[in-house]
Amino acid sequence: MQIHHLSEKNSVLNHFLGQIRNVNIHTDRMRFRRNIERIGEIMAYEISKDLVYKAVEIQTPLGTKKTSEINHPIVVASILRASLPFHQGILNYFDEAENGFISAARYPTDEGDSFEIKVEYEAIADITSKYVLLVDPMLATGQSIVAVFNKLIEKGYPKEIHLAVVIAAPEGIALLEQELPDNCHLWVAAIDERLNEHFYIVPGLGDAGDLAYGPKL
């Protein structure tokens, strides 16, 4: 798996990352959602550099111009619900992309703090031979992305898989490297220290879904 760690170089991305982590800003849900969306826009731009293009010629009012355009259709697939603003940011740049939405929830088991991931809902475009951008803002254990990936490829195999993540833990990255094909790309804004005993990212930012949309029952 190819890992693209975007915050290693200073940019406005780091400014937005600092704001989404800041407990003094967390009470402003609209600002949190907008910053996640803007991070999605930055990530879409970075991903676009790695796609395959074809040469085209376009007509302008005064003549013709040779340029290039993306050579394969794109499907942006998000893991509900925390991914929605992140998804929108990516879609702002890939405006002709098809879309997919998948649920992946943690269900506790009888073994202490352990859990299993269940994929219970999916609405996805045909992904065969397309670029698939699988979007999830938090990569903690990695189990959700692995479960969703395995569900997606039951329906066909894409040309390329690009995983887009805002904050990741090393443990989650290690699982993806173990379970996903070598030709996958992981685009991550920040890689944090570790998971805690409850499998949350430290220092992280808390629960991205709750910060964007309010606590769930």
N, C-alpha and C. Protein backbone atom coordinates (compact mmCIF):
# COMPACT_ATOMS: atom_id res chain seq x y z
N MET A 1 0.84 -1.20 0.00
CA MET A 1 0.00 0.00 0.00
C MET A 1 0.88 1.25 0.00
N GLN A 2 0.54 2.19 -0.84
CA GLN A 2 1.28 3.45 -0.92
C GLN A 2 0.64 4.47 0.01
N ILE A 3 1.44 5.04 0.90
CA ILE A 3 0.93 5.98 1.90
C ILE A 3 1.37 7.39 1.52
N HIS A 4 0.41 8.31 1.46
CA HIS A 4 0.66 9.72 1.16
C HIS A 4 0.29 10.52 2.41
N HIS A 5 1.29 10.98 3.15
CA HIS A 5 1.09 11.68 4.42
C HIS A 5 1.19 13.18 4.16
N LEU A 6 0.04 13.86 4.09
CA LEU A 6 0.00 15.20 3.54
C LEU A 6 0.47 16.29 4.49
N SER A 7 0.35 16.08 5.80
CA SER A 7 0.71 17.16 6.73
C SER A 7 2.20 17.19 7.04
N GLU A 8 2.98 16.33 6.42
CA GLU A 8 4.41 16.36 6.64
C GLU A 8 5.03 17.66 6.12
N LYS A 9 4.38 18.28 5.13
CA LYS A 9 4.80 19.58 4.64
C LYS A 9 3.77 20.62 5.09
N ASN A 10 4.25 21.75 5.57
CA ASN A 10 3.34 22.79 6.04
C ASN A 10 2.50 23.36 4.90
N SER A 11 1.22 23.50 5.18
CA SER A 11 0.29 24.13 4.25
C SER A 11 -0.93 24.55 5.05
N VAL A 12 -1.90 25.15 4.38
CA VAL A 12 -3.14 25.54 5.07
C VAL A 12 -3.87 24.32 5.61
N LEU A 13 -3.56 23.12 5.10
CA LEU A 13 -4.14 21.90 5.64
C LEU A 13 -3.88 21.80 7.14
N ASN A 14 -2.67 22.10 7.58
CA ASN A 14 -2.34 22.01 9.00
C ASN A 14 -3.15 23.00 9.83
N HIS A 15 -3.46 24.15 9.26
CA HIS A 15 -4.31 25.14 9.94
C HIS A 15 -5.70 24.56 10.21
N PHE A 16 -6.28 23.92 9.20
CA PHE A 16 -7.60 23.32 9.36
C PHE A 16 -7.56 22.14 10.33
N LEU A 17 -6.48 21.34 10.27
CA LEU A 17 -6.34 20.22 11.20
C LEU A 17 -6.31 20.71 12.64
N GLY A 18 -5.59 21.80 12.90
CA GLY A 18 -5.53 22.34 14.25
C GLY A 18 -6.89 22.77 14.75
N GLN A 19 -7.70 23.35 13.87
CA GLN A 19 -9.02 23.81 14.29
C GLN A 19 -9.98 22.66 14.59
N ILE A 20 -9.94 21.59 13.80
CA ILE A 20 -10.88 20.49 14.07
C ILE A 20 -10.51 19.72 15.33
N ARG A 21 -9.26 19.85 15.79
CA ARG A 21 -8.84 19.19 17.02
C ARG A 21 -9.14 20.03 18.27
N ASN A 22 -9.29 21.31 18.11
CA ASN A 22 -9.32 22.27 19.22
C ASN A 22 -10.64 22.20 19.99
N VAL A 23 -10.57 21.84 21.29
CA VAL A 23 -11.79 21.71 22.09
C VAL A 23 -12.51 23.05 22.24
N ASN A 24 -11.82 24.15 22.09
CA ASN A 24 -12.45 25.47 22.20
C ASN A 24 -13.26 25.83 20.97
N ILE A 25 -13.10 25.05 19.91
CA ILE A 25 -13.85 25.29 18.67
C ILE A 25 -14.92 24.22 18.46
N HIS A 26 -14.86 23.14 19.22
CA HIS A 26 -15.74 22.00 19.00
C HIS A 26 -17.22 22.32 19.19
N THR A 27 -17.55 23.37 19.90
CA THR A 27 -18.97 23.70 20.09
C THR A 27 -19.60 24.26 18.81
N ASP A 28 -18.80 24.63 17.85
CA ASP A 28 -19.30 25.20 16.59
C ASP A 28 -19.34 24.08 15.54
N ARG A 29 -20.47 23.39 15.45
CA ARG A 29 -20.58 22.24 14.54
C ARG A 29 -20.44 22.65 13.08
N MET A 30 -20.99 23.81 12.74
CA MET A 30 -20.92 24.24 11.35
C MET A 30 -19.46 24.48 10.94
N ARG A 31 -18.68 25.06 11.83
CA ARG A 31 -17.26 25.30 11.54
C ARG A 31 -16.51 23.98 11.43
N PHE A 32 -16.84 23.02 12.29
CA PHE A 32 -16.20 21.70 12.21
C PHE A 32 -16.51 21.05 10.87
N ARG A 33 -17.78 21.05 10.47
CA ARG A 33 -18.16 20.43 9.19
C ARG A 33 -17.46 21.12 8.03
N ARG A 34 -17.42 22.46 8.07
CA ARG A 34 -16.80 23.20 6.96
C ARG A 34 -15.31 22.91 6.87
N ASN A 35 -14.63 22.80 8.01
CA ASN A 35 -13.20 22.49 7.97
C ASN A 35 -12.94 21.08 7.45
N ILE A 36 -13.78 20.12 7.85
CA ILE A 36 -13.65 18.77 7.30
C ILE A 36 -13.87 18.80 5.78
N GLU A 37 -14.85 19.59 5.35
CA GLU A 37 -15.11 19.72 3.91
C GLU A 37 -13.90 20.32 3.19
N ARG A 38 -13.29 21.34 3.79
CA ARG A 38 -12.13 21.97 3.16
C ARG A 38 -10.93 21.02 3.10
N ILE A 39 -10.78 20.20 4.14
CA ILE A 39 -9.73 19.17 4.10
C ILE A 39 -10.00 18.20 2.96
N GLY A 40 -11.28 17.87 2.75
CA GLY A 40 -11.64 17.01 1.62
C GLY A 40 -11.28 17.63 0.29
N GLU A 41 -11.46 18.94 0.16
CA GLU A 41 -11.10 19.63 -1.08
C GLU A 41 -9.59 19.57 -1.33
N ILE A 42 -8.82 19.81 -0.28
CA ILE A 42 -7.36 19.74 -0.40
C ILE A 42 -6.93 18.33 -0.79
N MET A 43 -7.54 17.34 -0.16
CA MET A 43 -7.17 15.96 -0.44
C MET A 43 -7.54 15.56 -1.87
N ALA A 44 -8.70 16.03 -2.33
CA ALA A 44 -9.11 15.74 -3.71
C ALA A 44 -8.09 16.30 -4.70
N TYR A 45 -7.59 17.50 -4.44
CA TYR A 45 -6.58 18.09 -5.30
C TYR A 45 -5.31 17.24 -5.32
N GLU A 46 -4.88 16.79 -4.13
CA GLU A 46 -3.67 15.97 -4.06
C GLU A 46 -3.87 14.63 -4.76
N ILE A 47 -5.02 14.00 -4.57
CA ILE A 47 -5.30 12.73 -5.23
C ILE A 47 -5.31 12.90 -6.74
N SER A 48 -5.83 14.03 -7.20
CA SER A 48 -5.94 14.25 -8.64
C SER A 48 -4.59 14.21 -9.35
N LYS A 49 -3.51 14.51 -8.63
CA LYS A 49 -2.18 14.48 -9.23
C LYS A 49 -1.73 13.06 -9.56
N ASP A 50 -2.36 12.07 -8.93
CA ASP A 50 -1.92 10.68 -9.06
C ASP A 50 -2.78 9.89 -10.04
N LEU A 51 -3.80 10.50 -10.60
CA LEU A 51 -4.68 9.79 -11.52
C LEU A 51 -4.10 9.81 -12.93
N VAL A 52 -4.67 8.99 -13.81
CA VAL A 52 -4.21 8.90 -15.19
C VAL A 52 -5.06 9.83 -16.05
N TYR A 53 -4.40 10.57 -16.93
CA TYR A 53 -5.07 11.55 -17.78
C TYR A 53 -4.91 11.17 -19.25
N LYS A 54 -5.77 11.74 -20.07
CA LYS A 54 -5.66 11.57 -21.52
C LYS A 54 -5.63 12.94 -22.18
N ALA A 55 -4.97 13.02 -23.31
CA ALA A 55 -4.89 14.28 -24.06
C ALA A 55 -6.20 14.52 -24.80
N VAL A 56 -6.68 15.74 -24.73
CA VAL A 56 -7.89 16.13 -25.46
C VAL A 56 -7.64 17.50 -26.10
N GLU A 57 -8.48 17.83 -27.06
CA GLU A 57 -8.43 19.14 -27.71
C GLU A 57 -9.79 19.80 -27.56
N ILE A 58 -9.80 21.01 -27.05
CA ILE A 58 -11.07 21.71 -26.82
C ILE A 58 -11.14 22.94 -27.70
N GLN A 59 -12.37 23.36 -27.96
CA GLN A 59 -12.62 24.54 -28.77
C GLN A 59 -12.86 25.73 -27.86
N THR A 60 -12.12 26.80 -28.04
CA THR A 60 -12.36 28.05 -27.32
C THR A 60 -13.04 29.03 -28.28
N PRO A 61 -13.51 30.20 -27.82
CA PRO A 61 -14.10 31.17 -28.74
C PRO A 61 -13.14 31.65 -29.82
N LEU A 62 -11.81 31.51 -29.58
CA LEU A 62 -10.83 32.06 -30.51
C LEU A 62 -9.95 31.01 -31.18
N GLY A 63 -10.21 29.75 -30.89
CA GLY A 63 -9.38 28.72 -31.49
C GLY A 63 -9.51 27.40 -30.76
N THR A 64 -8.46 26.58 -30.87
CA THR A 64 -8.44 25.28 -30.19
C THR A 64 -7.26 25.23 -29.24
N LYS A 65 -7.39 24.37 -28.22
CA LYS A 65 -6.33 24.24 -27.22
C LYS A 65 -6.21 22.79 -26.81
N LYS A 66 -4.98 22.27 -26.81
CA LYS A 66 -4.72 20.93 -26.32
C LYS A 66 -4.58 20.96 -24.80
N THR A 67 -5.26 20.04 -24.14
CA THR A 67 -5.20 19.96 -22.67
C THR A 67 -5.34 18.49 -22.28
N SER A 68 -5.69 18.23 -21.04
CA SER A 68 -5.85 16.84 -20.58
C SER A 68 -7.03 16.74 -19.64
N GLU A 69 -7.57 15.52 -19.52
CA GLU A 69 -8.66 15.27 -18.59
C GLU A 69 -8.51 13.87 -18.02
N ILE A 70 -9.14 13.65 -16.86
CA ILE A 70 -9.06 12.35 -16.19
C ILE A 70 -9.60 11.27 -17.12
N ASN A 71 -8.90 10.14 -17.18
CA ASN A 71 -9.15 9.14 -18.20
C ASN A 71 -10.19 8.09 -17.81
N HIS A 72 -10.58 8.03 -16.53
CA HIS A 72 -11.54 7.02 -16.10
C HIS A 72 -12.56 7.66 -15.16
N PRO A 73 -13.79 7.17 -15.14
CA PRO A 73 -14.79 7.70 -14.21
C PRO A 73 -14.41 7.41 -12.77
N ILE A 74 -14.96 8.24 -11.88
CA ILE A 74 -14.65 8.19 -10.45
C ILE A 74 -15.92 7.88 -9.67
N VAL A 75 -15.76 7.05 -8.63
CA VAL A 75 -16.84 6.82 -7.66
C VAL A 75 -16.31 7.22 -6.29
N VAL A 76 -17.00 8.16 -5.64
CA VAL A 76 -16.66 8.56 -4.27
C VAL A 76 -17.59 7.80 -3.33
N ALA A 77 -17.03 6.94 -2.49
CA ALA A 77 -17.81 6.09 -1.60
C ALA A 77 -17.48 6.43 -0.16
N SER A 78 -18.50 6.75 0.62
CA SER A 78 -18.29 7.20 2.00
C SER A 78 -18.89 6.22 3.00
N ILE A 79 -18.21 6.14 4.15
CA ILE A 79 -18.71 5.33 5.26
C ILE A 79 -19.49 6.25 6.20
N LEU A 80 -20.78 5.98 6.35
CA LEU A 80 -21.66 6.85 7.13
C LEU A 80 -21.34 6.78 8.61
N ARG A 81 -21.65 7.89 9.38
CA ARG A 81 -22.19 9.17 8.98
C ARG A 81 -21.16 10.28 8.97
N ALA A 82 -20.05 10.05 9.69
CA ALA A 82 -19.05 11.09 9.88
C ALA A 82 -18.42 11.54 8.57
N SER A 83 -18.51 10.72 7.53
CA SER A 83 -17.84 11.04 6.27
C SER A 83 -18.57 12.07 5.43
N LEU A 84 -19.79 12.42 5.77
CA LEU A 84 -20.60 13.23 4.85
C LEU A 84 -19.97 14.57 4.48
N PRO A 85 -19.47 15.39 5.42
CA PRO A 85 -18.83 16.64 4.99
C PRO A 85 -17.52 16.41 4.25
N PHE A 86 -16.78 15.38 4.63
CA PHE A 86 -15.55 15.02 3.95
C PHE A 86 -15.85 14.61 2.51
N HIS A 87 -16.88 13.80 2.34
CA HIS A 87 -17.37 13.37 1.02
C HIS A 87 -17.69 14.59 0.16
N GLN A 88 -18.39 15.56 0.74
CA GLN A 88 -18.80 16.73 -0.02
C GLN A 88 -17.59 17.53 -0.48
N GLY A 89 -16.57 17.63 0.37
CA GLY A 89 -15.37 18.35 -0.03
C GLY A 89 -14.70 17.71 -1.23
N ILE A 90 -14.60 16.39 -1.22
CA ILE A 90 -14.00 15.67 -2.35
C ILE A 90 -14.87 15.82 -3.59
N LEU A 91 -16.19 15.77 -3.40
CA LEU A 91 -17.12 15.89 -4.53
C LEU A 91 -17.06 17.30 -5.14
N ASN A 92 -16.71 18.30 -4.35
CA ASN A 92 -16.59 19.66 -4.88
C ASN A 92 -15.55 19.74 -6.00
N TYR A 93 -14.56 18.85 -5.97
CA TYR A 93 -13.52 18.86 -6.99
C TYR A 93 -13.76 17.81 -8.07
N PHE A 94 -14.35 16.71 -7.71
CA PHE A 94 -14.69 15.68 -8.70
C PHE A 94 -16.20 15.73 -8.92
N ASP A 95 -16.66 16.82 -9.52
CA ASP A 95 -18.09 17.12 -9.54
C ASP A 95 -18.89 16.19 -10.44
N GLU A 96 -18.24 15.46 -11.33
CA GLU A 96 -18.97 14.51 -12.18
C GLU A 96 -18.90 13.09 -11.65
N ALA A 97 -18.34 12.92 -10.47
CA ALA A 97 -18.17 11.57 -9.91
C ALA A 97 -19.52 10.96 -9.55
N GLU A 98 -19.57 9.64 -9.66
CA GLU A 98 -20.69 8.89 -9.11
C GLU A 98 -20.44 8.70 -7.61
N ASN A 99 -21.46 8.23 -6.89
CA ASN A 99 -21.36 8.20 -5.44
C ASN A 99 -21.81 6.87 -4.85
N GLY A 100 -21.34 6.64 -3.63
CA GLY A 100 -21.76 5.48 -2.87
C GLY A 100 -21.77 5.80 -1.39
N PHE A 101 -22.67 5.16 -0.66
CA PHE A 101 -22.78 5.38 0.79
C PHE A 101 -22.97 4.03 1.46
N ILE A 102 -22.12 3.78 2.46
CA ILE A 102 -22.11 2.49 3.14
C ILE A 102 -22.08 2.72 4.64
N SER A 103 -22.85 1.95 5.39
CA SER A 103 -22.78 2.03 6.85
C SER A 103 -21.85 0.96 7.37
N ALA A 104 -21.06 1.33 8.37
CA ALA A 104 -20.19 0.36 9.05
C ALA A 104 -20.16 0.75 10.52
N ALA A 105 -20.80 -0.05 11.36
CA ALA A 105 -20.95 0.30 12.77
C ALA A 105 -20.25 -0.70 13.67
N ARG A 106 -19.76 -0.18 14.81
CA ARG A 106 -19.16 -1.04 15.83
C ARG A 106 -20.25 -1.68 16.69
N TYR A 107 -20.17 -2.97 16.88
CA TYR A 107 -21.08 -3.67 17.79
C TYR A 107 -20.26 -4.38 18.85
N PRO A 108 -20.50 -4.07 20.14
CA PRO A 108 -19.71 -4.69 21.21
C PRO A 108 -19.90 -6.20 21.23
N THR A 109 -18.85 -6.89 21.62
CA THR A 109 -18.93 -8.33 21.84
C THR A 109 -18.91 -8.60 23.35
N ASP A 110 -18.88 -9.84 23.72
CA ASP A 110 -18.86 -10.20 25.15
C ASP A 110 -17.44 -10.16 25.74
N GLU A 111 -16.48 -9.72 24.95
CA GLU A 111 -15.08 -9.77 25.37
C GLU A 111 -14.56 -8.37 25.70
N GLY A 112 -14.97 -7.81 26.83
CA GLY A 112 -14.48 -6.52 27.29
C GLY A 112 -14.82 -5.39 26.34
N ASP A 113 -13.78 -4.64 25.92
CA ASP A 113 -13.98 -3.50 25.02
C ASP A 113 -13.92 -3.89 23.55
N SER A 114 -13.82 -5.16 23.24
CA SER A 114 -13.72 -5.58 21.84
C SER A 114 -15.07 -5.38 21.13
N PHE A 115 -15.00 -5.37 19.80
CA PHE A 115 -16.21 -5.14 19.00
C PHE A 115 -16.03 -5.80 17.65
N GLU A 116 -17.13 -5.90 16.92
CA GLU A 116 -17.09 -6.36 15.54
C GLU A 116 -17.74 -5.30 14.66
N ILE A 117 -17.36 -5.28 13.40
CA ILE A 117 -17.89 -4.32 12.44
C ILE A 117 -18.96 -5.00 11.58
N LYS A 118 -20.11 -4.34 11.48
CA LYS A 118 -21.17 -4.85 10.62
C LYS A 118 -21.49 -3.82 9.55
N VAL A 119 -21.51 -4.26 8.30
CA VAL A 119 -21.92 -3.42 7.17
C VAL A 119 -23.39 -3.73 6.92
N GLU A 120 -24.27 -2.73 7.16
CA GLU A 120 -25.71 -3.01 7.15
C GLU A 120 -26.46 -2.28 6.04
N TYR A 121 -25.86 -1.28 5.43
CA TYR A 121 -26.55 -0.53 4.38
C TYR A 121 -25.54 -0.15 3.32
N GLU A 122 -25.96 -0.24 2.07
CA GLU A 122 -25.08 0.19 0.98
C GLU A 122 -25.92 0.68 -0.19
N ALA A 123 -25.50 1.78 -0.76
CA ALA A 123 -26.07 2.29 -2.00
C ALA A 123 -24.88 2.78 -2.81
N ILE A 124 -24.49 2.02 -3.82
CA ILE A 124 -23.22 2.26 -4.49
C ILE A 124 -23.37 2.14 -6.00
N ALA A 125 -22.70 3.01 -6.72
CA ALA A 125 -22.66 2.91 -8.18
C ALA A 125 -21.79 1.72 -8.60
N ASP A 126 -21.88 1.37 -9.86
CA ASP A 126 -21.00 0.33 -10.42
C ASP A 126 -19.55 0.82 -10.31
N ILE A 127 -18.68 0.02 -9.73
CA ILE A 127 -17.29 0.44 -9.52
C ILE A 127 -16.32 -0.23 -10.49
N THR A 128 -16.81 -1.09 -11.35
CA THR A 128 -15.92 -1.88 -12.21
C THR A 128 -15.07 -0.97 -13.10
N SER A 129 -13.75 -1.15 -13.01
CA SER A 129 -12.76 -0.44 -13.84
C SER A 129 -12.79 1.08 -13.64
N LYS A 130 -13.26 1.53 -12.48
CA LYS A 130 -13.29 2.96 -12.18
C LYS A 130 -12.32 3.27 -11.04
N TYR A 131 -12.01 4.56 -10.89
CA TYR A 131 -11.30 5.00 -9.70
C TYR A 131 -12.29 5.03 -8.55
N VAL A 132 -12.00 4.35 -7.45
CA VAL A 132 -12.85 4.40 -6.27
C VAL A 132 -12.11 5.15 -5.17
N LEU A 133 -12.73 6.22 -4.68
CA LEU A 133 -12.21 6.97 -3.55
C LEU A 133 -13.05 6.60 -2.34
N LEU A 134 -12.49 5.79 -1.45
CA LEU A 134 -13.19 5.33 -0.25
C LEU A 134 -12.86 6.29 0.88
N VAL A 135 -13.90 6.93 1.43
CA VAL A 135 -13.73 8.09 2.29
C VAL A 135 -14.19 7.78 3.71
N ASP A 136 -13.32 8.03 4.69
CA ASP A 136 -13.66 7.89 6.11
C ASP A 136 -12.73 8.80 6.89
N PRO A 137 -13.24 9.79 7.64
CA PRO A 137 -12.33 10.76 8.27
C PRO A 137 -11.39 10.17 9.31
N MET A 138 -11.81 9.12 10.04
CA MET A 138 -10.99 8.58 11.11
C MET A 138 -10.62 7.13 10.81
N LEU A 139 -9.33 6.85 10.77
CA LEU A 139 -8.82 5.49 10.61
C LEU A 139 -8.26 5.06 11.96
N ALA A 140 -9.07 4.35 12.74
CA ALA A 140 -8.66 3.91 14.09
C ALA A 140 -8.10 2.49 14.00
N THR A 141 -8.93 1.49 14.18
CA THR A 141 -8.46 0.10 14.07
C THR A 141 -8.27 -0.33 12.63
N GLY A 142 -8.99 0.31 11.71
CA GLY A 142 -8.94 -0.08 10.30
C GLY A 142 -9.97 -1.12 9.92
N GLN A 143 -10.70 -1.65 10.90
CA GLN A 143 -11.64 -2.73 10.62
C GLN A 143 -12.81 -2.28 9.74
N SER A 144 -13.26 -1.04 9.91
CA SER A 144 -14.38 -0.55 9.10
C SER A 144 -14.00 -0.48 7.63
N ILE A 145 -12.83 0.08 7.34
CA ILE A 145 -12.41 0.21 5.95
C ILE A 145 -12.20 -1.17 5.32
N VAL A 146 -11.62 -2.11 6.06
CA VAL A 146 -11.42 -3.45 5.52
C VAL A 146 -12.76 -4.11 5.23
N ALA A 147 -13.72 -3.98 6.16
CA ALA A 147 -15.04 -4.59 5.96
C ALA A 147 -15.75 -3.99 4.75
N VAL A 148 -15.67 -2.67 4.61
CA VAL A 148 -16.34 -2.01 3.48
C VAL A 148 -15.63 -2.36 2.17
N PHE A 149 -14.32 -2.38 2.17
CA PHE A 149 -13.58 -2.76 0.97
C PHE A 149 -13.99 -4.16 0.50
N ASN A 150 -14.04 -5.10 1.42
CA ASN A 150 -14.42 -6.47 1.06
C ASN A 150 -15.84 -6.54 0.52
N LYS A 151 -16.72 -5.69 1.04
CA LYS A 151 -18.09 -5.63 0.54
C LYS A 151 -18.14 -5.04 -0.87
N LEU A 152 -17.34 -4.00 -1.09
CA LEU A 152 -17.35 -3.33 -2.39
C LEU A 152 -16.90 -4.27 -3.51
N ILE A 153 -15.82 -5.01 -3.27
CA ILE A 153 -15.26 -5.81 -4.37
C ILE A 153 -16.10 -7.05 -4.67
N GLU A 154 -17.15 -7.29 -3.87
CA GLU A 154 -18.11 -8.32 -4.25
C GLU A 154 -18.88 -7.91 -5.50
N LYS A 155 -18.92 -6.59 -5.77
CA LYS A 155 -19.72 -6.07 -6.88
C LYS A 155 -18.88 -5.77 -8.12
N GLY A 156 -17.60 -5.99 -8.07
CA GLY A 156 -16.72 -5.71 -9.20
C GLY A 156 -15.41 -5.14 -8.69
N TYR A 157 -14.41 -5.13 -9.58
CA TYR A 157 -13.10 -4.66 -9.12
C TYR A 157 -12.75 -3.35 -9.83
N PRO A 158 -12.39 -2.34 -9.04
CA PRO A 158 -12.08 -1.03 -9.63
C PRO A 158 -10.72 -1.01 -10.30
N LYS A 159 -10.48 0.04 -11.08
CA LYS A 159 -9.15 0.24 -11.67
C LYS A 159 -8.14 0.54 -10.58
N GLU A 160 -8.50 1.45 -9.66
CA GLU A 160 -7.64 1.81 -8.54
C GLU A 160 -8.49 2.12 -7.32
N ILE A 161 -7.94 1.87 -6.13
CA ILE A 161 -8.58 2.21 -4.87
C ILE A 161 -7.73 3.29 -4.19
N HIS A 162 -8.37 4.41 -3.86
CA HIS A 162 -7.72 5.48 -3.10
C HIS A 162 -8.50 5.68 -1.81
N LEU A 163 -7.86 5.46 -0.69
CA LEU A 163 -8.48 5.63 0.62
C LEU A 163 -8.16 7.04 1.12
N ALA A 164 -9.18 7.80 1.47
CA ALA A 164 -9.00 9.17 1.93
C ALA A 164 -9.37 9.26 3.41
N VAL A 165 -8.42 9.70 4.24
CA VAL A 165 -8.56 9.71 5.70
C VAL A 165 -8.03 11.03 6.23
N VAL A 166 -8.71 11.60 7.22
CA VAL A 166 -8.22 12.83 7.84
C VAL A 166 -7.16 12.50 8.89
N ILE A 167 -7.49 11.65 9.87
CA ILE A 167 -6.57 11.31 10.96
C ILE A 167 -6.51 9.79 11.08
N ALA A 168 -5.29 9.26 11.19
CA ALA A 168 -5.10 7.80 11.27
C ALA A 168 -4.23 7.44 12.46
N ALA A 169 -4.46 6.24 12.98
CA ALA A 169 -3.59 5.66 14.00
C ALA A 169 -2.68 4.64 13.34
N PRO A 170 -1.46 4.45 13.86
CA PRO A 170 -0.55 3.47 13.28
C PRO A 170 -1.13 2.07 13.23
N GLU A 171 -1.93 1.70 14.24
CA GLU A 171 -2.53 0.36 14.28
C GLU A 171 -3.47 0.15 13.09
N GLY A 172 -4.24 1.17 12.74
CA GLY A 172 -5.14 1.06 11.60
C GLY A 172 -4.40 0.95 10.29
N ILE A 173 -3.34 1.73 10.15
CA ILE A 173 -2.53 1.66 8.93
C ILE A 173 -1.92 0.27 8.79
N ALA A 174 -1.43 -0.29 9.89
CA ALA A 174 -0.83 -1.62 9.85
C ALA A 174 -1.84 -2.67 9.38
N LEU A 175 -3.09 -2.57 9.84
CA LEU A 175 -4.10 -3.54 9.40
C LEU A 175 -4.38 -3.39 7.91
N LEU A 176 -4.48 -2.17 7.42
CA LEU A 176 -4.72 -1.97 5.99
C LEU A 176 -3.58 -2.55 5.17
N GLU A 177 -2.35 -2.34 5.61
CA GLU A 177 -1.21 -2.89 4.89
C GLU A 177 -1.25 -4.41 4.85
N GLN A 178 -1.80 -5.00 5.89
CA GLN A 178 -1.90 -6.46 5.98
C GLN A 178 -3.04 -7.01 5.13
N GLU A 179 -4.18 -6.30 5.09
CA GLU A 179 -5.41 -6.86 4.52
C GLU A 179 -5.75 -6.38 3.11
N LEU A 180 -5.23 -5.23 2.69
CA LEU A 180 -5.63 -4.67 1.40
C LEU A 180 -4.54 -4.90 0.35
N PRO A 181 -4.92 -4.86 -0.93
CA PRO A 181 -3.93 -5.09 -2.00
C PRO A 181 -2.80 -4.06 -1.98
N ASP A 182 -1.65 -4.45 -2.50
CA ASP A 182 -0.48 -3.58 -2.51
C ASP A 182 -0.69 -2.32 -3.34
N ASN A 183 -1.57 -2.38 -4.35
CA ASN A 183 -1.73 -1.23 -5.22
C ASN A 183 -2.74 -0.21 -4.71
N CYS A 184 -3.23 -0.36 -3.49
CA CYS A 184 -4.10 0.66 -2.89
C CYS A 184 -3.27 1.88 -2.48
N HIS A 185 -3.90 3.04 -2.50
CA HIS A 185 -3.29 4.27 -2.03
C HIS A 185 -4.01 4.74 -0.77
N LEU A 186 -3.25 5.12 0.25
CA LEU A 186 -3.82 5.71 1.45
C LEU A 186 -3.39 7.17 1.50
N TRP A 187 -4.37 8.07 1.44
CA TRP A 187 -4.13 9.51 1.55
C TRP A 187 -4.58 9.94 2.94
N VAL A 188 -3.65 10.39 3.75
CA VAL A 188 -3.97 10.73 5.14
C VAL A 188 -3.43 12.11 5.46
N ALA A 189 -4.27 12.92 6.09
CA ALA A 189 -3.82 14.27 6.45
C ALA A 189 -2.84 14.22 7.62
N ALA A 190 -3.13 13.41 8.65
CA ALA A 190 -2.26 13.34 9.83
C ALA A 190 -2.24 11.93 10.39
N ILE A 191 -1.06 11.50 10.82
CA ILE A 191 -0.90 10.20 11.49
C ILE A 191 -0.58 10.48 12.95
N ASP A 192 -1.45 10.00 13.86
CA ASP A 192 -1.31 10.28 15.28
C ASP A 192 -0.53 9.19 16.00
N GLU A 193 -0.51 9.26 17.35
CA GLU A 193 0.38 8.43 18.15
C GLU A 193 -0.06 6.98 18.26
N ARG A 194 -1.35 6.76 18.63
CA ARG A 194 -1.76 5.40 18.99
C ARG A 194 -3.27 5.36 19.19
N LEU A 195 -3.76 4.16 19.49
CA LEU A 195 -5.13 3.97 19.97
C LEU A 195 -5.12 3.83 21.49
N ASN A 196 -6.19 4.31 22.14
CA ASN A 196 -6.30 4.07 23.58
C ASN A 196 -7.01 2.73 23.83
N GLU A 197 -7.30 2.44 25.10
CA GLU A 197 -7.89 1.15 25.45
C GLU A 197 -9.31 0.98 24.92
N HIS A 198 -9.94 2.09 24.51
CA HIS A 198 -11.28 2.01 23.93
C HIS A 198 -11.24 2.12 22.40
N PHE A 199 -10.05 2.02 21.83
CA PHE A 199 -9.85 2.03 20.38
C PHE A 199 -10.17 3.38 19.74
N TYR A 200 -9.94 4.46 20.47
CA TYR A 200 -10.04 5.80 19.92
C TYR A 200 -8.63 6.35 19.69
N ILE A 201 -8.50 7.20 18.68
CA ILE A 201 -7.20 7.74 18.30
C ILE A 201 -6.75 8.79 19.30
N VAL A 202 -5.47 8.70 19.72
CA VAL A 202 -4.85 9.66 20.63
C VAL A 202 -3.71 10.36 19.89
N PRO A 203 -3.65 11.71 19.89
CA PRO A 203 -4.57 12.64 20.53
C PRO A 203 -5.89 12.84 19.78
N GLY A 204 -5.92 12.55 18.49
CA GLY A 204 -7.17 12.53 17.75
C GLY A 204 -7.95 13.82 17.84
N LEU A 205 -9.29 13.66 17.86
CA LEU A 205 -10.17 14.82 18.01
C LEU A 205 -11.49 14.47 18.70
N GLY A 206 -11.66 13.21 19.09
CA GLY A 206 -12.94 12.78 19.63
C GLY A 206 -13.75 12.05 18.58
N ASP A 207 -15.06 12.11 18.69
CA ASP A 207 -15.95 11.43 17.75
C ASP A 207 -16.34 12.38 16.63
N ALA A 208 -15.86 12.13 15.42
CA ALA A 208 -16.09 13.05 14.31
C ALA A 208 -17.57 13.16 13.96
N GLY A 209 -18.31 12.05 14.04
CA GLY A 209 -19.74 12.11 13.75
C GLY A 209 -20.49 12.97 14.73
N ASP A 210 -20.18 12.83 16.02
CA ASP A 210 -20.85 13.65 17.04
C ASP A 210 -20.49 15.12 16.89
N LEU A 211 -19.22 15.42 16.58
CA LEU A 211 -18.81 16.80 16.43
C LEU A 211 -19.47 17.45 15.22
N ALA A 212 -19.73 16.68 14.18
CA ALA A 212 -20.36 17.22 12.99
C ALA A 212 -21.87 17.34 13.12
N TYR A 213 -22.51 16.37 13.79
CA TYR A 213 -23.97 16.28 13.74
C TYR A 213 -24.65 16.15 15.08
N GLY A 214 -23.89 16.11 16.17
CA GLY A 214 -24.48 15.97 17.50
C GLY A 214 -24.44 14.54 17.99
N PRO A 215 -24.56 14.36 19.32
CA PRO A 215 -24.49 13.01 19.89
C PRO A 215 -25.60 12.10 19.36
N LYS A 216 -25.28 10.82 19.24
CA LYS A 216 -26.27 9.84 18.82
C LYS A 216 -26.76 9.05 20.04
N LEU A 217 -27.93 8.44 19.93
CA LEU A 217 -28.48 7.67 21.03
C LEU A 217 -27.66 6.42 21.26
